[in-house]
Amino acid sequence: MSPHSTLEVPRGGAPWVDVTVPVRDGMVHWPDNPPIQVRSHRSLAKGDAANVSHLSLGVHSGTHVDAPVHFLPGGMGVDALPLDRLMGNVRVLFLPRGPAITADALREHLPARGERLLFKTANSSRPWDTSDFRPDFTYLSTEGARFLVETRVRTVGIDYLSIAGMDEGEATHRLLLEAGVCIIEGLHLGPVGPGAYEMVCLPLRLANGDGAPARVLLRSRMPPKG
């Protein structure tokens, strides 16, 4: 299934759109994280009874969720994250300016207490099917993170491997995670526009995991035309 494929829904309903980056051998990863490897372990073509693949990757690969314990000693693991952070109404914001998403840029969209927000940026105009890491990605500034914490949003997501820039990653992550803001990273938001959606985000249930790959689906809350 391509990253922009839709799933079948009952007639008259809005389609679910898969905004998950497909996991593939050699895909792009954060520079100091483990590489992604998908290998054949058993193969029908070689006479085995079944196809069985071996997967090796860091938990912050592709589309994934960060847990508080990623940066906070003794923090909550990904398996304990409240489901209200991962499922429910969400708003996709189009933030074309960068590379830093500032507090002023966010104020224009009037974020509200308890909102889940996904940031569609210039990152979405670049293909994911490359093994080359892009250090010039658009990210949420520490100032912007502080504003969202003060606004008391519940979830933020972005269309590249980190919500934070390379030079202020620890500070931005800590601000968000200490405030209980859930972080979703590595979204493929190219096929969706700004607006109101329903979201289902289900990370793997890794015991006390500092993060986990996730499948993320969006469905427009606007009634279909026609």
N, C-alpha and C. Protein backbone atom coordinates (compact mmCIF):
# COMPACT_ATOMS: atom_id res chain seq x y z
N MET A 1 0.84 -1.19 0.00
CA MET A 1 0.00 0.00 0.00
C MET A 1 0.88 1.24 0.00
N SER A 2 0.60 2.18 -0.88
CA SER A 2 1.38 3.39 -0.94
C SER A 2 1.05 4.27 0.26
N PRO A 3 1.96 5.22 0.62
CA PRO A 3 1.74 6.02 1.83
C PRO A 3 0.52 6.92 1.75
N HIS A 4 -0.03 7.13 0.53
CA HIS A 4 -1.19 8.00 0.42
C HIS A 4 -2.46 7.23 0.08
N SER A 5 -2.42 5.91 0.21
CA SER A 5 -3.61 5.12 -0.09
C SER A 5 -4.69 5.35 0.95
N THR A 6 -5.95 5.23 0.52
CA THR A 6 -7.06 5.33 1.45
C THR A 6 -7.62 3.95 1.73
N LEU A 7 -8.31 3.82 2.84
CA LEU A 7 -8.92 2.56 3.24
C LEU A 7 -10.40 2.61 2.96
N GLU A 8 -11.00 1.45 2.69
CA GLU A 8 -12.42 1.40 2.37
C GLU A 8 -13.26 1.82 3.58
N VAL A 9 -14.29 2.59 3.32
CA VAL A 9 -15.21 3.04 4.37
C VAL A 9 -16.63 2.88 3.85
N PRO A 10 -17.60 2.88 4.75
CA PRO A 10 -18.99 2.79 4.30
C PRO A 10 -19.35 3.94 3.37
N ARG A 11 -20.31 3.70 2.48
CA ARG A 11 -20.74 4.72 1.53
C ARG A 11 -21.19 5.98 2.27
N GLY A 12 -20.75 7.13 1.75
CA GLY A 12 -21.11 8.40 2.35
C GLY A 12 -20.17 8.89 3.42
N GLY A 13 -19.23 8.04 3.86
CA GLY A 13 -18.28 8.45 4.89
C GLY A 13 -16.99 8.96 4.28
N ALA A 14 -16.26 9.75 5.03
CA ALA A 14 -14.96 10.23 4.58
C ALA A 14 -13.96 9.07 4.66
N PRO A 15 -13.01 9.01 3.72
CA PRO A 15 -12.04 7.91 3.75
C PRO A 15 -10.96 8.11 4.81
N TRP A 16 -10.48 7.02 5.34
CA TRP A 16 -9.30 7.07 6.19
C TRP A 16 -8.08 7.19 5.28
N VAL A 17 -7.16 8.06 5.65
CA VAL A 17 -5.92 8.25 4.89
C VAL A 17 -4.76 7.80 5.76
N ASP A 18 -3.93 6.93 5.22
CA ASP A 18 -2.78 6.42 5.94
C ASP A 18 -1.62 7.42 5.81
N VAL A 19 -1.22 8.04 6.89
CA VAL A 19 -0.13 9.02 6.86
C VAL A 19 1.12 8.45 7.52
N THR A 20 1.26 7.13 7.43
CA THR A 20 2.41 6.42 7.96
C THR A 20 3.47 6.25 6.87
N VAL A 21 4.72 6.45 7.22
CA VAL A 21 5.81 6.21 6.27
C VAL A 21 6.07 4.70 6.19
N PRO A 22 6.04 4.10 5.00
CA PRO A 22 6.33 2.67 4.90
C PRO A 22 7.74 2.34 5.39
N VAL A 23 7.86 1.29 6.16
CA VAL A 23 9.16 0.84 6.64
C VAL A 23 9.82 0.01 5.54
N ARG A 24 11.04 0.38 5.18
CA ARG A 24 11.75 -0.37 4.14
C ARG A 24 13.22 -0.48 4.51
N ASP A 25 13.87 -1.44 3.91
CA ASP A 25 15.29 -1.66 4.15
C ASP A 25 16.09 -0.43 3.73
N GLY A 26 16.97 0.05 4.60
CA GLY A 26 17.84 1.16 4.27
C GLY A 26 17.19 2.52 4.31
N MET A 27 15.98 2.65 4.86
CA MET A 27 15.29 3.94 4.85
C MET A 27 16.04 4.95 5.72
N VAL A 28 15.72 6.21 5.52
CA VAL A 28 16.38 7.28 6.26
C VAL A 28 16.14 7.13 7.75
N HIS A 29 17.18 7.48 8.55
CA HIS A 29 17.05 7.42 10.00
C HIS A 29 17.86 8.55 10.61
N TRP A 30 17.58 8.85 11.89
CA TRP A 30 18.33 9.88 12.60
C TRP A 30 19.80 9.47 12.64
N PRO A 31 20.73 10.41 12.46
CA PRO A 31 22.14 10.06 12.26
C PRO A 31 22.75 9.11 13.28
N ASP A 32 22.45 9.27 14.59
CA ASP A 32 23.08 8.39 15.57
C ASP A 32 22.20 7.22 16.00
N ASN A 33 21.10 6.99 15.26
CA ASN A 33 20.20 5.87 15.55
C ASN A 33 20.57 4.65 14.71
N PRO A 34 20.09 3.46 15.10
CA PRO A 34 20.41 2.25 14.33
C PRO A 34 19.82 2.32 12.93
N PRO A 35 20.50 1.74 11.95
CA PRO A 35 19.93 1.67 10.60
C PRO A 35 18.74 0.72 10.56
N ILE A 36 17.90 0.90 9.55
CA ILE A 36 16.73 0.03 9.38
C ILE A 36 17.12 -1.09 8.41
N GLN A 37 16.94 -2.32 8.86
CA GLN A 37 17.26 -3.48 8.04
C GLN A 37 16.07 -4.42 7.97
N VAL A 38 15.70 -4.80 6.77
CA VAL A 38 14.66 -5.80 6.54
C VAL A 38 15.30 -6.90 5.72
N ARG A 39 15.42 -8.08 6.31
CA ARG A 39 16.13 -9.19 5.68
C ARG A 39 15.24 -10.42 5.58
N SER A 40 15.46 -11.21 4.56
CA SER A 40 14.75 -12.48 4.43
C SER A 40 15.41 -13.50 5.35
N HIS A 41 14.60 -14.08 6.25
CA HIS A 41 15.10 -15.12 7.17
C HIS A 41 14.78 -16.51 6.63
N ARG A 42 13.55 -16.67 6.12
CA ARG A 42 13.15 -17.90 5.44
C ARG A 42 12.44 -17.49 4.16
N SER A 43 12.53 -18.31 3.13
CA SER A 43 12.01 -17.91 1.83
C SER A 43 11.39 -19.08 1.08
N LEU A 44 10.17 -18.87 0.55
CA LEU A 44 9.54 -19.88 -0.29
C LEU A 44 10.39 -20.15 -1.53
N ALA A 45 10.99 -19.08 -2.06
CA ALA A 45 11.81 -19.23 -3.28
C ALA A 45 13.02 -20.13 -3.05
N LYS A 46 13.45 -20.24 -1.80
CA LYS A 46 14.61 -21.08 -1.48
C LYS A 46 14.21 -22.45 -0.94
N GLY A 47 12.90 -22.74 -0.99
CA GLY A 47 12.42 -24.05 -0.57
C GLY A 47 11.91 -24.14 0.84
N ASP A 48 11.89 -23.01 1.55
CA ASP A 48 11.36 -23.03 2.91
C ASP A 48 9.83 -23.12 2.88
N ALA A 49 9.23 -23.49 4.00
CA ALA A 49 7.78 -23.67 4.07
C ALA A 49 7.02 -22.35 4.08
N ALA A 50 7.71 -21.26 4.39
CA ALA A 50 7.03 -19.96 4.50
C ALA A 50 8.05 -18.83 4.30
N ASN A 51 7.53 -17.67 3.96
CA ASN A 51 8.36 -16.46 3.96
C ASN A 51 8.37 -15.88 5.36
N VAL A 52 9.53 -15.62 5.90
CA VAL A 52 9.69 -15.00 7.22
C VAL A 52 10.79 -13.95 7.10
N SER A 53 10.47 -12.73 7.49
CA SER A 53 11.44 -11.64 7.42
C SER A 53 12.00 -11.31 8.80
N HIS A 54 13.21 -10.79 8.81
CA HIS A 54 13.85 -10.30 10.03
C HIS A 54 13.91 -8.78 9.95
N LEU A 55 13.42 -8.10 10.99
CA LEU A 55 13.38 -6.65 11.03
C LEU A 55 14.25 -6.13 12.16
N SER A 56 15.11 -5.17 11.84
CA SER A 56 15.96 -4.54 12.85
C SER A 56 15.90 -3.03 12.65
N LEU A 57 15.54 -2.31 13.71
CA LEU A 57 15.44 -0.86 13.60
C LEU A 57 15.39 -0.24 14.99
N GLY A 58 15.72 1.04 15.08
CA GLY A 58 15.54 1.78 16.32
C GLY A 58 14.07 2.13 16.50
N VAL A 59 13.65 2.34 17.73
CA VAL A 59 12.23 2.58 17.98
C VAL A 59 11.80 3.97 17.53
N HIS A 60 12.75 4.83 17.17
CA HIS A 60 12.42 6.17 16.69
C HIS A 60 12.59 6.26 15.17
N SER A 61 12.30 5.16 14.50
CA SER A 61 12.40 5.09 13.05
C SER A 61 11.06 5.40 12.39
N GLY A 62 11.12 6.01 11.20
CA GLY A 62 9.90 6.25 10.44
C GLY A 62 8.86 7.00 11.26
N THR A 63 7.60 6.64 11.07
CA THR A 63 6.51 7.22 11.85
C THR A 63 6.52 6.58 13.23
N HIS A 64 6.64 7.40 14.26
CA HIS A 64 6.79 6.86 15.61
C HIS A 64 6.30 7.85 16.65
N VAL A 65 6.16 7.35 17.86
CA VAL A 65 5.74 8.15 19.01
C VAL A 65 6.87 8.17 20.03
N ASP A 66 7.14 9.37 20.57
CA ASP A 66 8.11 9.50 21.67
C ASP A 66 7.40 9.36 23.00
N ALA A 67 8.03 8.68 23.94
CA ALA A 67 7.50 8.56 25.29
C ALA A 67 8.32 9.44 26.24
N PRO A 68 7.75 9.87 27.36
CA PRO A 68 8.51 10.69 28.31
C PRO A 68 9.85 10.11 28.72
N VAL A 69 9.95 8.79 28.87
CA VAL A 69 11.20 8.19 29.31
C VAL A 69 12.31 8.35 28.26
N HIS A 70 11.97 8.77 27.06
CA HIS A 70 12.97 9.05 26.03
C HIS A 70 13.96 10.12 26.51
N PHE A 71 13.47 11.12 27.26
CA PHE A 71 14.33 12.19 27.76
C PHE A 71 14.26 12.40 29.27
N LEU A 72 13.28 11.80 29.93
CA LEU A 72 13.06 12.06 31.35
C LEU A 72 13.33 10.79 32.17
N PRO A 73 14.36 10.78 33.01
CA PRO A 73 14.63 9.60 33.84
C PRO A 73 13.41 9.23 34.67
N GLY A 74 13.02 7.96 34.60
CA GLY A 74 11.86 7.51 35.35
C GLY A 74 10.54 7.90 34.73
N GLY A 75 10.59 8.46 33.51
CA GLY A 75 9.37 8.89 32.84
C GLY A 75 8.52 7.73 32.37
N MET A 76 7.33 8.05 31.93
CA MET A 76 6.37 7.06 31.44
C MET A 76 6.86 6.41 30.16
N GLY A 77 6.62 5.10 30.03
CA GLY A 77 6.95 4.38 28.81
C GLY A 77 5.84 4.50 27.78
N VAL A 78 6.16 4.14 26.55
CA VAL A 78 5.18 4.30 25.47
C VAL A 78 3.95 3.42 25.69
N ASP A 79 4.12 2.32 26.39
CA ASP A 79 2.99 1.42 26.64
C ASP A 79 1.99 1.99 27.63
N ALA A 80 2.38 3.04 28.36
CA ALA A 80 1.51 3.62 29.37
C ALA A 80 0.91 4.96 28.93
N LEU A 81 1.19 5.40 27.71
CA LEU A 81 0.66 6.69 27.26
C LEU A 81 -0.87 6.67 27.25
N PRO A 82 -1.51 7.72 27.73
CA PRO A 82 -2.98 7.78 27.70
C PRO A 82 -3.49 7.74 26.26
N LEU A 83 -4.50 6.92 26.02
CA LEU A 83 -5.01 6.79 24.66
C LEU A 83 -5.65 8.07 24.15
N ASP A 84 -6.08 8.97 25.06
CA ASP A 84 -6.68 10.21 24.58
C ASP A 84 -5.64 11.12 23.92
N ARG A 85 -4.36 10.82 24.09
CA ARG A 85 -3.32 11.56 23.39
C ARG A 85 -3.18 11.08 21.94
N LEU A 86 -3.59 9.85 21.69
CA LEU A 86 -3.28 9.18 20.42
C LEU A 86 -4.49 8.98 19.51
N MET A 87 -5.69 9.18 20.03
CA MET A 87 -6.89 8.96 19.25
C MET A 87 -7.90 10.07 19.52
N GLY A 88 -8.60 10.50 18.47
CA GLY A 88 -9.61 11.54 18.63
C GLY A 88 -9.45 12.65 17.61
N ASN A 89 -10.10 13.77 17.86
CA ASN A 89 -10.04 14.90 16.93
C ASN A 89 -8.66 15.51 16.91
N VAL A 90 -8.23 15.92 15.71
CA VAL A 90 -6.91 16.51 15.53
C VAL A 90 -7.02 17.59 14.47
N ARG A 91 -6.14 18.57 14.52
CA ARG A 91 -6.11 19.61 13.50
C ARG A 91 -4.75 19.62 12.82
N VAL A 92 -4.77 19.59 11.50
CA VAL A 92 -3.54 19.72 10.70
C VAL A 92 -3.34 21.19 10.37
N LEU A 93 -2.20 21.73 10.78
CA LEU A 93 -1.85 23.12 10.49
C LEU A 93 -0.83 23.17 9.36
N PHE A 94 -1.02 24.06 8.42
CA PHE A 94 -0.03 24.26 7.36
C PHE A 94 0.90 25.39 7.78
N LEU A 95 2.16 25.05 7.97
CA LEU A 95 3.17 26.01 8.45
C LEU A 95 4.33 26.03 7.45
N PRO A 96 4.19 26.78 6.35
CA PRO A 96 5.17 26.71 5.28
C PRO A 96 6.48 27.42 5.58
N ARG A 97 6.47 28.36 6.54
CA ARG A 97 7.71 29.10 6.82
C ARG A 97 8.61 28.30 7.75
N GLY A 98 9.89 28.52 7.62
CA GLY A 98 10.84 27.79 8.45
C GLY A 98 12.22 28.38 8.33
N PRO A 99 13.24 27.66 8.79
CA PRO A 99 13.11 26.27 9.26
C PRO A 99 12.47 26.12 10.64
N ALA A 100 12.46 27.18 11.45
CA ALA A 100 11.90 27.05 12.80
C ALA A 100 10.44 27.48 12.83
N ILE A 101 9.60 26.66 13.45
CA ILE A 101 8.20 27.04 13.70
C ILE A 101 8.19 27.85 14.98
N THR A 102 7.86 29.12 14.87
CA THR A 102 7.93 30.04 16.00
C THR A 102 6.60 30.14 16.74
N ALA A 103 6.65 30.74 17.91
CA ALA A 103 5.42 30.99 18.67
C ALA A 103 4.48 31.91 17.89
N ASP A 104 5.04 32.91 17.21
CA ASP A 104 4.20 33.83 16.44
C ASP A 104 3.47 33.09 15.32
N ALA A 105 4.17 32.18 14.64
CA ALA A 105 3.53 31.41 13.57
C ALA A 105 2.40 30.55 14.11
N LEU A 106 2.56 30.01 15.30
CA LEU A 106 1.53 29.19 15.91
C LEU A 106 0.34 30.02 16.39
N ARG A 107 0.61 31.21 16.89
CA ARG A 107 -0.47 32.08 17.38
C ARG A 107 -1.48 32.39 16.28
N GLU A 108 -1.01 32.45 15.05
CA GLU A 108 -1.91 32.74 13.93
C GLU A 108 -3.01 31.68 13.80
N HIS A 109 -2.75 30.49 14.31
CA HIS A 109 -3.71 29.39 14.19
C HIS A 109 -4.55 29.19 15.45
N LEU A 110 -4.34 30.02 16.45
CA LEU A 110 -5.15 30.02 17.67
C LEU A 110 -5.29 28.62 18.29
N PRO A 111 -4.18 27.97 18.62
CA PRO A 111 -4.29 26.66 19.26
C PRO A 111 -5.03 26.76 20.59
N ALA A 112 -5.80 25.73 20.89
CA ALA A 112 -6.64 25.74 22.08
C ALA A 112 -6.21 24.67 23.08
N ARG A 113 -6.57 24.88 24.32
CA ARG A 113 -6.27 23.91 25.37
C ARG A 113 -6.85 22.55 25.01
N GLY A 114 -6.03 21.51 25.17
CA GLY A 114 -6.48 20.15 24.91
C GLY A 114 -6.43 19.72 23.47
N GLU A 115 -6.04 20.59 22.55
CA GLU A 115 -6.01 20.22 21.13
C GLU A 115 -4.88 19.26 20.81
N ARG A 116 -5.11 18.48 19.78
CA ARG A 116 -4.07 17.68 19.14
C ARG A 116 -3.74 18.38 17.83
N LEU A 117 -2.45 18.67 17.58
CA LEU A 117 -2.03 19.44 16.42
C LEU A 117 -0.95 18.69 15.65
N LEU A 118 -1.13 18.62 14.34
CA LEU A 118 -0.11 18.05 13.46
C LEU A 118 0.39 19.14 12.53
N PHE A 119 1.70 19.25 12.37
CA PHE A 119 2.30 20.32 11.59
C PHE A 119 2.71 19.81 10.20
N LYS A 120 2.02 20.35 9.18
CA LYS A 120 2.42 20.08 7.81
C LYS A 120 3.31 21.23 7.36
N THR A 121 4.55 20.94 7.01
CA THR A 121 5.54 21.95 6.72
C THR A 121 6.16 21.71 5.34
N ALA A 122 7.22 22.45 5.06
CA ALA A 122 7.97 22.24 3.82
C ALA A 122 8.55 20.84 3.74
N ASN A 123 8.65 20.15 4.89
CA ASN A 123 9.15 18.77 4.88
C ASN A 123 8.29 17.88 3.99
N SER A 124 6.98 18.16 3.95
CA SER A 124 6.05 17.30 3.22
C SER A 124 6.22 17.38 1.71
N SER A 125 6.92 18.40 1.22
CA SER A 125 7.14 18.52 -0.22
C SER A 125 8.33 17.69 -0.69
N ARG A 126 9.03 17.06 0.25
CA ARG A 126 10.20 16.25 -0.09
C ARG A 126 9.86 14.77 0.04
N PRO A 127 10.41 13.94 -0.82
CA PRO A 127 10.07 12.51 -0.76
C PRO A 127 10.69 11.81 0.44
N TRP A 128 9.94 10.83 0.97
CA TRP A 128 10.45 10.00 2.06
C TRP A 128 11.29 8.83 1.55
N ASP A 129 11.14 8.48 0.27
CA ASP A 129 11.81 7.28 -0.24
C ASP A 129 13.27 7.57 -0.60
N THR A 130 14.00 8.07 0.36
CA THR A 130 15.42 8.33 0.20
C THR A 130 16.12 7.88 1.46
N SER A 131 17.39 7.52 1.34
CA SER A 131 18.18 7.12 2.50
C SER A 131 18.98 8.28 3.06
N ASP A 132 18.89 9.44 2.44
CA ASP A 132 19.70 10.59 2.85
C ASP A 132 18.98 11.40 3.93
N PHE A 133 19.65 11.62 5.04
CA PHE A 133 19.11 12.45 6.12
C PHE A 133 19.19 13.92 5.71
N ARG A 134 18.13 14.70 6.04
CA ARG A 134 18.08 16.12 5.69
C ARG A 134 18.25 16.96 6.95
N PRO A 135 19.42 17.53 7.17
CA PRO A 135 19.62 18.33 8.39
C PRO A 135 18.89 19.67 8.36
N ASP A 136 18.40 20.09 7.19
CA ASP A 136 17.73 21.39 7.07
C ASP A 136 16.21 21.27 7.20
N PHE A 137 15.72 20.25 7.91
CA PHE A 137 14.28 20.05 8.03
C PHE A 137 13.64 21.15 8.87
N THR A 138 12.33 21.34 8.66
CA THR A 138 11.56 22.29 9.47
C THR A 138 11.22 21.64 10.81
N TYR A 139 11.31 22.42 11.89
CA TYR A 139 11.14 21.89 13.24
C TYR A 139 10.43 22.91 14.13
N LEU A 140 9.98 22.44 15.27
CA LEU A 140 9.34 23.31 16.27
C LEU A 140 10.43 23.93 17.13
N SER A 141 10.47 25.25 17.20
CA SER A 141 11.47 25.92 18.03
C SER A 141 11.16 25.71 19.51
N THR A 142 12.17 25.89 20.34
CA THR A 142 11.96 25.79 21.78
C THR A 142 10.95 26.83 22.24
N GLU A 143 11.03 28.02 21.66
CA GLU A 143 10.06 29.09 21.96
C GLU A 143 8.65 28.65 21.59
N GLY A 144 8.52 28.03 20.43
CA GLY A 144 7.21 27.54 20.01
C GLY A 144 6.69 26.45 20.92
N ALA A 145 7.60 25.56 21.36
CA ALA A 145 7.21 24.49 22.28
C ALA A 145 6.72 25.08 23.60
N ARG A 146 7.41 26.11 24.08
CA ARG A 146 7.01 26.74 25.34
C ARG A 146 5.61 27.36 25.21
N PHE A 147 5.34 27.97 24.08
CA PHE A 147 4.02 28.55 23.84
C PHE A 147 2.94 27.46 23.85
N LEU A 148 3.20 26.33 23.22
CA LEU A 148 2.21 25.24 23.18
C LEU A 148 2.00 24.64 24.57
N VAL A 149 3.06 24.56 25.35
CA VAL A 149 2.92 24.08 26.73
C VAL A 149 2.05 25.05 27.53
N GLU A 150 2.27 26.34 27.36
CA GLU A 150 1.46 27.34 28.06
C GLU A 150 0.00 27.28 27.61
N THR A 151 -0.21 26.94 26.32
CA THR A 151 -1.57 26.81 25.79
C THR A 151 -2.23 25.52 26.26
N ARG A 152 -1.41 24.56 26.67
CA ARG A 152 -1.85 23.27 27.20
C ARG A 152 -2.47 22.38 26.13
N VAL A 153 -1.82 22.33 24.96
CA VAL A 153 -2.23 21.35 23.97
C VAL A 153 -1.85 19.97 24.48
N ARG A 154 -2.48 18.93 23.93
CA ARG A 154 -2.19 17.59 24.47
C ARG A 154 -1.27 16.76 23.58
N THR A 155 -1.25 17.07 22.25
CA THR A 155 -0.45 16.26 21.32
C THR A 155 0.08 17.16 20.21
N VAL A 156 1.32 16.89 19.78
CA VAL A 156 1.88 17.56 18.60
C VAL A 156 2.52 16.51 17.70
N GLY A 157 2.48 16.76 16.41
CA GLY A 157 3.11 15.84 15.46
C GLY A 157 3.73 16.64 14.32
N ILE A 158 4.73 16.05 13.66
CA ILE A 158 5.42 16.75 12.59
C ILE A 158 5.82 15.78 11.49
N ASP A 159 6.10 16.33 10.32
CA ASP A 159 6.35 15.55 9.12
C ASP A 159 7.84 15.31 8.84
N TYR A 160 8.62 15.12 9.90
CA TYR A 160 9.98 14.61 9.73
C TYR A 160 10.37 13.86 11.00
N LEU A 161 11.62 13.42 11.09
CA LEU A 161 12.02 12.48 12.11
C LEU A 161 12.09 13.05 13.52
N SER A 162 12.06 14.37 13.66
CA SER A 162 12.11 14.97 14.99
C SER A 162 11.25 16.21 15.04
N ILE A 163 10.57 16.40 16.16
CA ILE A 163 9.81 17.63 16.39
C ILE A 163 10.75 18.79 16.61
N ALA A 164 11.99 18.51 17.05
CA ALA A 164 12.93 19.54 17.47
C ALA A 164 14.10 19.65 16.49
N GLY A 165 14.71 20.82 16.47
CA GLY A 165 15.89 21.04 15.66
C GLY A 165 17.10 20.32 16.23
N MET A 166 18.13 20.19 15.42
CA MET A 166 19.30 19.42 15.82
C MET A 166 20.07 20.11 16.94
N ASP A 167 20.00 21.43 17.03
CA ASP A 167 20.77 22.16 18.03
C ASP A 167 20.03 22.36 19.35
N GLU A 168 18.72 22.14 19.37
CA GLU A 168 17.95 22.37 20.60
C GLU A 168 17.00 21.22 20.88
N GLY A 169 17.36 20.05 20.38
CA GLY A 169 16.47 18.90 20.48
C GLY A 169 16.13 18.50 21.90
N GLU A 170 17.14 18.46 22.78
CA GLU A 170 16.87 18.03 24.15
C GLU A 170 15.95 19.00 24.86
N ALA A 171 16.21 20.30 24.72
CA ALA A 171 15.40 21.30 25.42
C ALA A 171 13.95 21.26 24.96
N THR A 172 13.74 21.17 23.66
CA THR A 172 12.37 21.16 23.13
C THR A 172 11.62 19.91 23.56
N HIS A 173 12.28 18.75 23.45
CA HIS A 173 11.64 17.51 23.87
C HIS A 173 11.29 17.56 25.36
N ARG A 174 12.21 18.02 26.17
CA ARG A 174 11.96 18.05 27.62
C ARG A 174 10.78 18.97 27.96
N LEU A 175 10.73 20.13 27.33
CA LEU A 175 9.62 21.05 27.57
C LEU A 175 8.28 20.36 27.32
N LEU A 176 8.18 19.69 26.18
CA LEU A 176 6.92 19.05 25.81
C LEU A 176 6.61 17.86 26.70
N LEU A 177 7.59 16.98 26.88
CA LEU A 177 7.34 15.74 27.61
C LEU A 177 7.10 15.99 29.09
N GLU A 178 7.81 16.94 29.68
CA GLU A 178 7.57 17.25 31.10
C GLU A 178 6.17 17.79 31.33
N ALA A 179 5.60 18.43 30.30
CA ALA A 179 4.24 18.98 30.41
C ALA A 179 3.17 17.96 30.01
N GLY A 180 3.58 16.74 29.67
CA GLY A 180 2.61 15.72 29.29
C GLY A 180 2.11 15.82 27.87
N VAL A 181 2.83 16.58 27.03
CA VAL A 181 2.44 16.70 25.62
C VAL A 181 2.99 15.50 24.85
N CYS A 182 2.11 14.78 24.19
CA CYS A 182 2.52 13.60 23.41
C CYS A 182 3.15 14.07 22.09
N ILE A 183 4.19 13.35 21.64
CA ILE A 183 4.93 13.72 20.44
C ILE A 183 4.85 12.60 19.41
N ILE A 184 4.37 12.94 18.22
CA ILE A 184 4.34 12.01 17.09
C ILE A 184 5.28 12.57 16.03
N GLU A 185 6.18 11.75 15.52
CA GLU A 185 7.18 12.21 14.56
C GLU A 185 7.19 11.30 13.33
N GLY A 186 7.72 11.84 12.23
CA GLY A 186 7.86 11.04 11.01
C GLY A 186 6.55 10.83 10.26
N LEU A 187 5.65 11.79 10.30
CA LEU A 187 4.37 11.67 9.59
C LEU A 187 4.52 11.98 8.10
N HIS A 188 3.76 11.29 7.29
CA HIS A 188 3.72 11.57 5.85
C HIS A 188 2.43 12.35 5.58
N LEU A 189 2.52 13.67 5.65
CA LEU A 189 1.33 14.51 5.55
C LEU A 189 1.09 15.05 4.15
N GLY A 190 1.87 14.61 3.18
CA GLY A 190 1.69 15.08 1.82
C GLY A 190 0.28 14.91 1.28
N PRO A 191 -0.40 13.77 1.55
CA PRO A 191 -1.72 13.55 0.95
C PRO A 191 -2.88 14.25 1.65
N VAL A 192 -2.62 14.97 2.73
CA VAL A 192 -3.73 15.64 3.43
C VAL A 192 -3.49 17.15 3.47
N GLY A 193 -4.58 17.90 3.46
CA GLY A 193 -4.50 19.34 3.56
C GLY A 193 -4.76 19.80 4.98
N PRO A 194 -4.60 21.09 5.24
CA PRO A 194 -4.92 21.60 6.58
C PRO A 194 -6.40 21.46 6.87
N GLY A 195 -6.73 21.30 8.13
CA GLY A 195 -8.13 21.18 8.51
C GLY A 195 -8.34 20.24 9.67
N ALA A 196 -9.61 19.89 9.89
CA ALA A 196 -10.02 19.09 11.04
C ALA A 196 -10.16 17.62 10.63
N TYR A 197 -9.61 16.73 11.45
CA TYR A 197 -9.62 15.29 11.16
C TYR A 197 -9.90 14.51 12.43
N GLU A 198 -10.23 13.24 12.24
CA GLU A 198 -10.15 12.25 13.30
C GLU A 198 -8.81 11.54 13.14
N MET A 199 -8.21 11.15 14.24
CA MET A 199 -6.91 10.45 14.18
C MET A 199 -6.95 9.16 14.97
N VAL A 200 -6.31 8.15 14.40
CA VAL A 200 -5.99 6.92 15.13
C VAL A 200 -4.48 6.75 15.02
N CYS A 201 -3.81 6.73 16.15
CA CYS A 201 -2.36 6.55 16.20
C CYS A 201 -2.07 5.43 17.19
N LEU A 202 -1.53 4.32 16.69
CA LEU A 202 -1.31 3.15 17.54
C LEU A 202 0.15 2.73 17.51
N PRO A 203 0.95 3.17 18.51
CA PRO A 203 2.34 2.72 18.60
C PRO A 203 2.40 1.29 19.10
N LEU A 204 3.46 0.58 18.73
CA LEU A 204 3.67 -0.76 19.27
C LEU A 204 3.74 -0.69 20.79
N ARG A 205 3.19 -1.71 21.43
CA ARG A 205 3.11 -1.70 22.89
C ARG A 205 4.39 -2.30 23.49
N LEU A 206 5.46 -1.51 23.40
CA LEU A 206 6.76 -1.93 23.93
C LEU A 206 6.82 -1.62 25.42
N ALA A 207 7.07 -2.61 26.24
CA ALA A 207 7.07 -2.42 27.69
C ALA A 207 8.11 -1.39 28.09
N ASN A 208 7.65 -0.29 28.69
CA ASN A 208 8.50 0.81 29.15
C ASN A 208 9.37 1.38 28.03
N GLY A 209 8.88 1.30 26.80
CA GLY A 209 9.66 1.76 25.66
C GLY A 209 9.81 3.28 25.63
N ASP A 210 11.00 3.73 25.20
CA ASP A 210 11.22 5.18 25.08
C ASP A 210 10.57 5.74 23.83
N GLY A 211 10.07 4.88 22.99
CA GLY A 211 9.33 5.25 21.80
C GLY A 211 8.91 3.99 21.09
N ALA A 212 8.15 4.14 20.00
CA ALA A 212 7.72 2.96 19.26
C ALA A 212 7.21 3.38 17.89
N PRO A 213 7.51 2.58 16.86
CA PRO A 213 6.88 2.82 15.55
C PRO A 213 5.37 2.77 15.68
N ALA A 214 4.69 3.56 14.85
CA ALA A 214 3.24 3.67 14.96
C ALA A 214 2.60 3.66 13.57
N ARG A 215 1.35 3.23 13.52
CA ARG A 215 0.50 3.38 12.33
C ARG A 215 -0.45 4.53 12.62
N VAL A 216 -0.51 5.51 11.72
CA VAL A 216 -1.33 6.69 11.95
C VAL A 216 -2.29 6.88 10.79
N LEU A 217 -3.58 7.01 11.11
CA LEU A 217 -4.63 7.21 10.12
C LEU A 217 -5.38 8.49 10.43
N LEU A 218 -5.76 9.22 9.38
CA LEU A 218 -6.57 10.42 9.51
C LEU A 218 -7.82 10.30 8.67
N ARG A 219 -8.92 10.87 9.18
CA ARG A 219 -10.17 10.93 8.42
C ARG A 219 -10.77 12.32 8.59
N SER A 220 -11.08 12.96 7.46
CA SER A 220 -11.60 14.32 7.51
C SER A 220 -12.90 14.38 8.29
N ARG A 221 -13.04 15.44 9.09
CA ARG A 221 -14.28 15.66 9.83
C ARG A 221 -15.25 16.52 9.04
N MET A 222 -14.85 16.96 7.85
CA MET A 222 -15.75 17.72 6.98
C MET A 222 -16.62 16.75 6.21
N PRO A 223 -17.90 17.01 6.05
CA PRO A 223 -18.78 16.09 5.30
C PRO A 223 -18.35 16.03 3.84
N PRO A 224 -18.37 14.83 3.23
CA PRO A 224 -17.99 14.71 1.82
C PRO A 224 -18.91 15.50 0.92
N LYS A 225 -18.35 16.02 -0.17
CA LYS A 225 -19.14 16.81 -1.13
C LYS A 225 -19.97 15.90 -2.03
N GLY A 226 -21.08 16.42 -2.49
CA GLY A 226 -21.91 15.69 -3.44
C GLY A 226 -22.96 14.82 -2.79
